[in-house]
């Protein structure tokens, strides 16, 4: 019997951080494999614009742990 998504998720969450990150990257790549070149170019331009904003001091960076905490809290509030 094939594993359910919940079983796969449970096993994935038990992996070390670096393995979970690699798995997440590969899953995203598998979904984005059909992305159009135009969309990729627009995404790259957006990343470059944001990097320039950071380097110029126009935006303030937030530590990843703080950002994740805020996202988790927002998700909890919507449930």
PDB file of N, CA and C in Angstrom:
ATOM      1  N   UNK A   1       0.841  -1.174   0.000  1.00  0.00           N
ATOM      2  CA  UNK A   1       0.000   0.000   0.000  1.00  0.00           C
ATOM      3  C   UNK A   1       0.891   1.245   0.000  1.00  0.00           C
ATOM      4  N   UNK A   2       0.642   2.198  -0.913  1.00  0.00           N
ATOM      5  CA  UNK A   2       1.489   3.395  -0.988  1.00  0.00           C
ATOM      6  C   UNK A   2       1.372   4.243   0.276  1.00  0.00           C
ATOM      7  N   UNK A   3       2.439   4.951   0.580  1.00  0.00           N
ATOM      8  CA  UNK A   3       2.443   5.833   1.746  1.00  0.00           C
ATOM      9  C   UNK A   3       1.534   7.030   1.489  1.00  0.00           C
ATOM     10  N   UNK A   4       0.908   7.517   2.540  1.00  0.00           N
ATOM     11  CA  UNK A   4       0.072   8.714   2.418  1.00  0.00           C
ATOM     12  C   UNK A   4       0.959   9.953   2.517  1.00  0.00           C
ATOM     13  N   UNK A   5       0.401  11.063   2.115  1.00  0.00           N
ATOM     14  CA  UNK A   5       1.143  12.319   2.219  1.00  0.00           C
ATOM     15  C   UNK A   5       1.502  12.595   3.667  1.00  0.00           C
ATOM     16  N   UNK A   6       0.595  12.300   4.586  1.00  0.00           N
ATOM     17  CA  UNK A   6       0.872  12.527   6.010  1.00  0.00           C
ATOM     18  C   UNK A   6       2.039  11.670   6.488  1.00  0.00           C
ATOM     19  N   UNK A   7       2.111  10.418   6.028  1.00  0.00           N
ATOM     20  CA  UNK A   7       3.225   9.543   6.420  1.00  0.00           C
ATOM     21  C   UNK A   7       4.538  10.063   5.852  1.00  0.00           C
ATOM     22  N   UNK A   8       4.505  10.486   4.603  1.00  0.00           N
ATOM     23  CA  UNK A   8       5.714  11.028   3.974  1.00  0.00           C
ATOM     24  C   UNK A   8       6.157  12.290   4.699  1.00  0.00           C
ATOM     25  N   UNK A   9       5.201  13.153   5.027  1.00  0.00           N
ATOM     26  CA  UNK A   9       5.527  14.380   5.748  1.00  0.00           C
ATOM     27  C   UNK A   9       6.141  14.070   7.104  1.00  0.00           C
ATOM     28  N   UNK A  10       5.566  13.132   7.823  1.00  0.00           N
ATOM     29  CA  UNK A  10       6.083  12.765   9.145  1.00  0.00           C
ATOM     30  C   UNK A  10       7.543  12.287   9.033  1.00  0.00           C
ATOM     31  N   UNK A  11       7.811  11.460   8.029  1.00  0.00           N
ATOM     32  CA  UNK A  11       9.180  10.970   7.834  1.00  0.00           C
ATOM     33  C   UNK A  11      10.106  12.110   7.421  1.00  0.00           C
ATOM     34  N   UNK A  12       9.634  12.994   6.556  1.00  0.00           N
ATOM     35  CA  UNK A  12      10.464  14.109   6.100  1.00  0.00           C
ATOM     36  C   UNK A  12      10.808  15.041   7.257  1.00  0.00           C
ATOM     37  N   UNK A  13       9.832  15.294   8.139  1.00  0.00           N
ATOM     38  CA  UNK A  13      10.083  16.182   9.273  1.00  0.00           C
ATOM     39  C   UNK A  13      11.075  15.591  10.263  1.00  0.00           C
ATOM     40  N   UNK A  14      11.284  14.292  10.227  1.00  0.00           N
ATOM     41  CA  UNK A  14      12.249  13.647  11.116  1.00  0.00           C
ATOM     42  C   UNK A  14      13.677  13.753  10.583  1.00  0.00           C
ATOM     43  N   UNK A  15      13.823  14.204   9.350  1.00  0.00           N
ATOM     44  CA  UNK A  15      15.158  14.337   8.749  1.00  0.00           C
ATOM     45  C   UNK A  15      15.914  15.510   9.375  1.00  0.00           C
ATOM     46  N   UNK A  16      17.240  15.480   9.293  1.00  0.00           N
ATOM     47  CA  UNK A  16      18.027  16.638   9.756  1.00  0.00           C
ATOM     48  C   UNK A  16      17.689  17.866   8.889  1.00  0.00           C
ATOM     49  N   UNK A  17      17.953  19.050   9.419  1.00  0.00           N
ATOM     50  CA  UNK A  17      17.618  20.297   8.720  1.00  0.00           C
ATOM     51  C   UNK A  17      18.145  20.343   7.286  1.00  0.00           C
ATOM     52  N   UNK A  18      19.416  19.991   7.096  1.00  0.00           N
ATOM     53  CA  UNK A  18      19.993  20.093   5.753  1.00  0.00           C
ATOM     54  C   UNK A  18      19.318  19.142   4.771  1.00  0.00           C
ATOM     55  N   UNK A  19      18.916  17.987   5.238  1.00  0.00           N
ATOM     56  CA  UNK A  19      18.215  17.033   4.376  1.00  0.00           C
ATOM     57  C   UNK A  19      16.811  17.524   4.047  1.00  0.00           C
ATOM     58  N   UNK A  20      16.140  18.131   5.022  1.00  0.00           N
ATOM     59  CA  UNK A  20      14.806  18.682   4.760  1.00  0.00           C
ATOM     60  C   UNK A  20      14.877  19.814   3.749  1.00  0.00           C
ATOM     61  N   UNK A  21      15.906  20.642   3.875  1.00  0.00           N
ATOM     62  CA  UNK A  21      16.078  21.750   2.932  1.00  0.00           C
ATOM     63  C   UNK A  21      16.316  21.217   1.523  1.00  0.00           C
ATOM     64  N   UNK A  22      17.171  20.222   1.393  1.00  0.00           N
ATOM     65  CA  UNK A  22      17.434  19.626   0.085  1.00  0.00           C
ATOM     66  C   UNK A  22      16.157  19.012  -0.495  1.00  0.00           C
ATOM     67  N   UNK A  23      15.405  18.315   0.322  1.00  0.00           N
ATOM     68  CA  UNK A  23      14.151  17.718  -0.135  1.00  0.00           C
ATOM     69  C   UNK A  23      13.176  18.806  -0.600  1.00  0.00           C
ATOM     70  N   UNK A  24      13.060  19.875   0.172  1.00  0.00           N
ATOM     71  CA  UNK A  24      12.161  20.967  -0.203  1.00  0.00           C
ATOM     72  C   UNK A  24      12.586  21.588  -1.529  1.00  0.00           C
ATOM     73  N   UNK A  25      13.881  21.806  -1.708  1.00  0.00           N
ATOM     74  CA  UNK A  25      14.374  22.382  -2.959  1.00  0.00           C
ATOM     75  C   UNK A  25      14.042  21.478  -4.140  1.00  0.00           C
ATOM     76  N   UNK A  26      14.232  20.190  -3.965  1.00  0.00           N
ATOM     77  CA  UNK A  26      13.957  19.253  -5.059  1.00  0.00           C
ATOM     78  C   UNK A  26      12.469  19.171  -5.370  1.00  0.00           C
ATOM     79  N   UNK A  27      11.628  19.248  -4.348  1.00  0.00           N
ATOM     80  CA  UNK A  27      10.182  19.247  -4.582  1.00  0.00           C
ATOM     81  C   UNK A  27       9.762  20.499  -5.344  1.00  0.00           C
ATOM     82  N   UNK A  28      10.297  21.656  -4.942  1.00  0.00           N
ATOM     83  CA  UNK A  28       9.961  22.901  -5.641  1.00  0.00           C
ATOM     84  C   UNK A  28      10.444  22.833  -7.087  1.00  0.00           C
ATOM     85  N   UNK A  29      11.645  22.333  -7.293  1.00  0.00           N
ATOM     86  CA  UNK A  29      12.157  22.197  -8.660  1.00  0.00           C
ATOM     87  C   UNK A  29      11.248  21.314  -9.499  1.00  0.00           C
ATOM     88  N   UNK A  30      10.715  20.251  -8.908  1.00  0.00           N
ATOM     89  CA  UNK A  30       9.876  19.334  -9.674  1.00  0.00           C
ATOM     90  C   UNK A  30       8.567  20.003 -10.090  1.00  0.00           C
ATOM     91  N   UNK A  31       8.095  20.935  -9.300  1.00  0.00           N
ATOM     92  CA  UNK A  31       6.861  21.647  -9.629  1.00  0.00           C
ATOM     93  C   UNK A  31       7.141  22.772 -10.626  1.00  0.00           C
ATOM     94  N   UNK A  32       8.281  23.404 -10.486  1.00  0.00           N
ATOM     95  CA  UNK A  32       8.616  24.547 -11.328  1.00  0.00           C
ATOM     96  C   UNK A  32       9.277  24.161 -12.641  1.00  0.00           C
ATOM     97  N   UNK A  33       9.375  22.880 -12.942  1.00  0.00           N
ATOM     98  CA  UNK A  33      10.089  22.470 -14.155  1.00  0.00           C
ATOM     99  C   UNK A  33       9.414  22.971 -15.423  1.00  0.00           C
ATOM    100  N   UNK A  34       8.139  23.314 -15.352  1.00  0.00           N
ATOM    101  CA  UNK A  34       7.438  23.790 -16.535  1.00  0.00           C
ATOM    102  C   UNK A  34       7.316  25.311 -16.562  1.00  0.00           C
ATOM    103  N   UNK A  35       8.093  26.007 -15.749  1.00  0.00           N
ATOM    104  CA  UNK A  35       8.046  27.460 -15.702  1.00  0.00           C
ATOM    105  C   UNK A  35       8.537  28.042 -17.017  1.00  0.00           C
ATOM    106  N   UNK A  36       7.818  29.020 -17.506  1.00  0.00           N
ATOM    107  CA  UNK A  36       8.188  29.634 -18.784  1.00  0.00           C
ATOM    108  C   UNK A  36       9.451  30.475 -18.625  1.00  0.00           C
ATOM    109  N   UNK A  37      10.224  30.596 -19.688  1.00  0.00           N
ATOM    110  CA  UNK A  37      11.433  31.449 -19.635  1.00  0.00           C
ATOM    111  C   UNK A  37      11.098  32.894 -19.273  1.00  0.00           C
ATOM    112  N   UNK A  38       9.936  33.385 -19.729  1.00  0.00           N
ATOM    113  CA  UNK A  38       9.531  34.756 -19.416  1.00  0.00           C
ATOM    114  C   UNK A  38       9.313  34.920 -17.915  1.00  0.00           C
ATOM    115  N   UNK A  39       8.644  33.946 -17.313  1.00  0.00           N
ATOM    116  CA  UNK A  39       8.409  33.997 -15.874  1.00  0.00           C
ATOM    117  C   UNK A  39       9.730  33.919 -15.118  1.00  0.00           C
ATOM    118  N   UNK A  40      10.621  33.047 -15.531  1.00  0.00           N
ATOM    119  CA  UNK A  40      11.927  32.940 -14.875  1.00  0.00           C
ATOM    120  C   UNK A  40      12.679  34.261 -14.958  1.00  0.00           C
ATOM    121  N   UNK A  41      12.615  34.929 -16.112  1.00  0.00           N
ATOM    122  CA  UNK A  41      13.301  36.210 -16.280  1.00  0.00           C
ATOM    123  C   UNK A  41      12.702  37.268 -15.345  1.00  0.00           C
ATOM    124  N   UNK A  42      11.378  37.281 -15.222  1.00  0.00           N
ATOM    125  CA  UNK A  42      10.727  38.236 -14.317  1.00  0.00           C
ATOM    126  C   UNK A  42      11.083  37.939 -12.860  1.00  0.00           C
ATOM    127  N   UNK A  43      11.136  36.647 -12.506  1.00  0.00           N
ATOM    128  CA  UNK A  43      11.505  36.275 -11.136  1.00  0.00           C
ATOM    129  C   UNK A  43      12.934  36.712 -10.828  1.00  0.00           C
ATOM    130  N   UNK A  44      13.844  36.476 -11.767  1.00  0.00           N
ATOM    131  CA  UNK A  44      15.241  36.874 -11.576  1.00  0.00           C
ATOM    132  C   UNK A  44      15.345  38.386 -11.419  1.00  0.00           C
ATOM    133  N   UNK A  45      14.608  39.145 -12.241  1.00  0.00           N
ATOM    134  CA  UNK A  45      14.632  40.600 -12.140  1.00  0.00           C
ATOM    135  C   UNK A  45      14.135  41.056 -10.767  1.00  0.00           C
ATOM    136  N   UNK A  46      13.105  40.383 -10.245  1.00  0.00           N
ATOM    137  CA  UNK A  46      12.573  40.730  -8.925  1.00  0.00           C
ATOM    138  C   UNK A  46      13.600  40.440  -7.835  1.00  0.00           C
ATOM    139  N   UNK A  47      14.267  39.309  -7.931  1.00  0.00           N
ATOM    140  CA  UNK A  47      15.306  38.971  -6.948  1.00  0.00           C
ATOM    141  C   UNK A  47      16.424  40.008  -6.995  1.00  0.00           C
ATOM    142  N   UNK A  48      16.839  40.382  -8.188  1.00  0.00           N
ATOM    143  CA  UNK A  48      17.909  41.376  -8.323  1.00  0.00           C
ATOM    144  C   UNK A  48      17.485  42.731  -7.767  1.00  0.00           C
ATOM    145  N   UNK A  49      16.222  43.118  -8.005  1.00  0.00           N
ATOM    146  CA  UNK A  49      15.716  44.382  -7.475  1.00  0.00           C
ATOM    147  C   UNK A  49      15.723  44.364  -5.947  1.00  0.00           C
ATOM    148  N   UNK A  50      15.280  43.245  -5.385  1.00  0.00           N
ATOM    149  CA  UNK A  50      15.248  43.146  -3.925  1.00  0.00           C
ATOM    150  C   UNK A  50      16.652  43.139  -3.326  1.00  0.00           C
ATOM    151  N   UNK A  51      17.575  42.467  -3.984  1.00  0.00           N
ATOM    152  CA  UNK A  51      18.961  42.466  -3.503  1.00  0.00           C
ATOM    153  C   UNK A  51      19.527  43.887  -3.531  1.00  0.00           C
ATOM    154  N   UNK A  52      19.228  44.621  -4.584  1.00  0.00           N
ATOM    155  CA  UNK A  52      19.699  46.004  -4.683  1.00  0.00           C
ATOM    156  C   UNK A  52      19.103  46.852  -3.564  1.00  0.00           C
ATOM    157  N   UNK A  53      17.821  46.640  -3.233  1.00  0.00           N
ATOM    158  CA  UNK A  53      17.185  47.367  -2.129  1.00  0.00           C
ATOM    159  C   UNK A  53      17.891  47.082  -0.813  1.00  0.00           C
ATOM    160  N   UNK A  54      18.245  45.833  -0.579  1.00  0.00           N
ATOM    161  CA  UNK A  54      18.945  45.458   0.652  1.00  0.00           C
ATOM    162  C   UNK A  54      20.328  46.114   0.682  1.00  0.00           C
ATOM    163  N   UNK A  55      21.044  45.980  -0.416  1.00  0.00           N
ATOM    164  CA  UNK A  55      22.405  46.534  -0.460  1.00  0.00           C
ATOM    165  C   UNK A  55      22.410  48.050  -0.312  1.00  0.00           C
ATOM    166  N   UNK A  56      21.363  48.716  -0.796  1.00  0.00           N
ATOM    167  CA  UNK A  56      21.283  50.174  -0.700  1.00  0.00           C
ATOM    168  C   UNK A  56      20.712  50.631   0.639  1.00  0.00           C
ATOM    169  N   UNK A  57      20.288  49.705   1.476  1.00  0.00           N
ATOM    170  CA  UNK A  57      19.750  50.051   2.780  1.00  0.00           C
ATOM    171  C   UNK A  57      18.312  50.560   2.734  1.00  0.00           C
ATOM    172  N   UNK A  58      17.603  50.316   1.626  1.00  0.00           N
ATOM    173  CA  UNK A  58      16.216  50.777   1.506  1.00  0.00           C
ATOM    174  C   UNK A  58      15.236  49.876   2.245  1.00  0.00           C
ATOM    175  N   UNK A  59      15.672  48.674   2.597  1.00  0.00           N
ATOM    176  CA  UNK A  59      14.825  47.757   3.347  1.00  0.00           C
ATOM    177  C   UNK A  59      15.622  47.187   4.514  1.00  0.00           C
ATOM    178  N   UNK A  60      14.904  46.788   5.543  1.00  0.00           N
ATOM    179  CA  UNK A  60      15.549  46.198   6.715  1.00  0.00           C
ATOM    180  C   UNK A  60      15.304  44.691   6.688  1.00  0.00           C
ATOM    181  N   UNK A  61      16.365  43.934   6.838  1.00  0.00           N
ATOM    182  CA  UNK A  61      16.242  42.475   6.860  1.00  0.00           C
ATOM    183  C   UNK A  61      15.684  42.004   8.192  1.00  0.00           C
ATOM    184  N   UNK A  62      14.946  40.914   8.129  1.00  0.00           N
ATOM    185  CA  UNK A  62      14.378  40.301   9.328  1.00  0.00           C
ATOM    186  C   UNK A  62      15.025  38.926   9.462  1.00  0.00           C
ATOM    187  N   UNK A  63      15.507  38.568  10.654  1.00  0.00           N
ATOM    188  CA  UNK A  63      16.080  37.228  10.819  1.00  0.00           C
ATOM    189  C   UNK A  63      15.074  36.150  10.409  1.00  0.00           C
ATOM    190  N   UNK A  64      15.552  35.110   9.769  1.00  0.00           N
ATOM    191  CA  UNK A  64      14.696  34.034   9.293  1.00  0.00           C
ATOM    192  C   UNK A  64      13.838  33.431  10.385  1.00  0.00           C
ATOM    193  N   UNK A  65      14.404  33.271  11.571  1.00  0.00           N
ATOM    194  CA  UNK A  65      13.633  32.676  12.671  1.00  0.00           C
ATOM    195  C   UNK A  65      12.453  33.572  13.053  1.00  0.00           C
ATOM    196  N   UNK A  66      12.652  34.894  13.011  1.00  0.00           N
ATOM    197  CA  UNK A  66      11.557  35.822  13.311  1.00  0.00           C
ATOM    198  C   UNK A  66      10.484  35.749  12.230  1.00  0.00           C
ATOM    199  N   UNK A  67      10.908  35.705  10.977  1.00  0.00           N
ATOM    200  CA  UNK A  67       9.958  35.641   9.865  1.00  0.00           C
ATOM    201  C   UNK A  67       9.125  34.361   9.937  1.00  0.00           C
ATOM    202  N   UNK A  68       9.781  33.235  10.201  1.00  0.00           N
ATOM    203  CA  UNK A  68       9.048  31.975  10.307  1.00  0.00           C
ATOM    204  C   UNK A  68       8.063  31.987  11.467  1.00  0.00           C
ATOM    205  N   UNK A  69       8.466  32.575  12.577  1.00  0.00           N
ATOM    206  CA  UNK A  69       7.575  32.673  13.736  1.00  0.00           C
ATOM    207  C   UNK A  69       6.342  33.494  13.367  1.00  0.00           C
ATOM    208  N   UNK A  70       6.541  34.612  12.681  1.00  0.00           N
ATOM    209  CA  UNK A  70       5.416  35.457  12.290  1.00  0.00           C
ATOM    210  C   UNK A  70       4.489  34.726  11.323  1.00  0.00           C
ATOM    211  N   UNK A  71       5.050  33.976  10.389  1.00  0.00           N
ATOM    212  CA  UNK A  71       4.226  33.226   9.440  1.00  0.00           C
ATOM    213  C   UNK A  71       3.424  32.161  10.175  1.00  0.00           C
ATOM    214  N   UNK A  72       4.080  31.432  11.074  1.00  0.00           N
ATOM    215  CA  UNK A  72       3.373  30.396  11.827  1.00  0.00           C
ATOM    216  C   UNK A  72       2.226  30.987  12.648  1.00  0.00           C
ATOM    217  N   UNK A  73       2.472  32.146  13.270  1.00  0.00           N
ATOM    218  CA  UNK A  73       1.430  32.790  14.050  1.00  0.00           C
ATOM    219  C   UNK A  73       0.274  33.228  13.157  1.00  0.00           C
ATOM    220  N   UNK A  74       0.582  33.751  11.986  1.00  0.00           N
ATOM    221  CA  UNK A  74      -0.468  34.166  11.045  1.00  0.00           C
ATOM    222  C   UNK A  74      -1.300  32.973  10.591  1.00  0.00           C
ATOM    223  N   UNK A  75      -0.641  31.855  10.337  1.00  0.00           N
ATOM    224  CA  UNK A  75      -1.366  30.658   9.913  1.00  0.00           C
ATOM    225  C   UNK A  75      -2.272  30.163  11.032  1.00  0.00           C
ATOM    226  N   UNK A  76      -1.757  30.166  12.261  1.00  0.00           N
ATOM    227  CA  UNK A  76      -2.572  29.735  13.403  1.00  0.00           C
ATOM    228  C   UNK A  76      -3.806  30.607  13.565  1.00  0.00           C
ATOM    229  N   UNK A  77      -3.657  31.922  13.342  1.00  0.00           N
ATOM    230  CA  UNK A  77      -4.790  32.842  13.503  1.00  0.00           C
ATOM    231  C   UNK A  77      -5.862  32.587  12.447  1.00  0.00           C
ATOM    232  N   UNK A  78      -5.493  32.081  11.283  1.00  0.00           N
ATOM    233  CA  UNK A  78      -6.466  31.880  10.211  1.00  0.00           C
ATOM    234  C   UNK A  78      -7.183  30.545  10.320  1.00  0.00           C
ATOM    235  N   UNK A  79      -6.750  29.677  11.196  1.00  0.00           N
ATOM    236  CA  UNK A  79      -7.388  28.355  11.324  1.00  0.00           C
ATOM    237  C   UNK A  79      -8.614  28.407  12.170  1.00  0.00           C
TER     238      UNK A  79
END
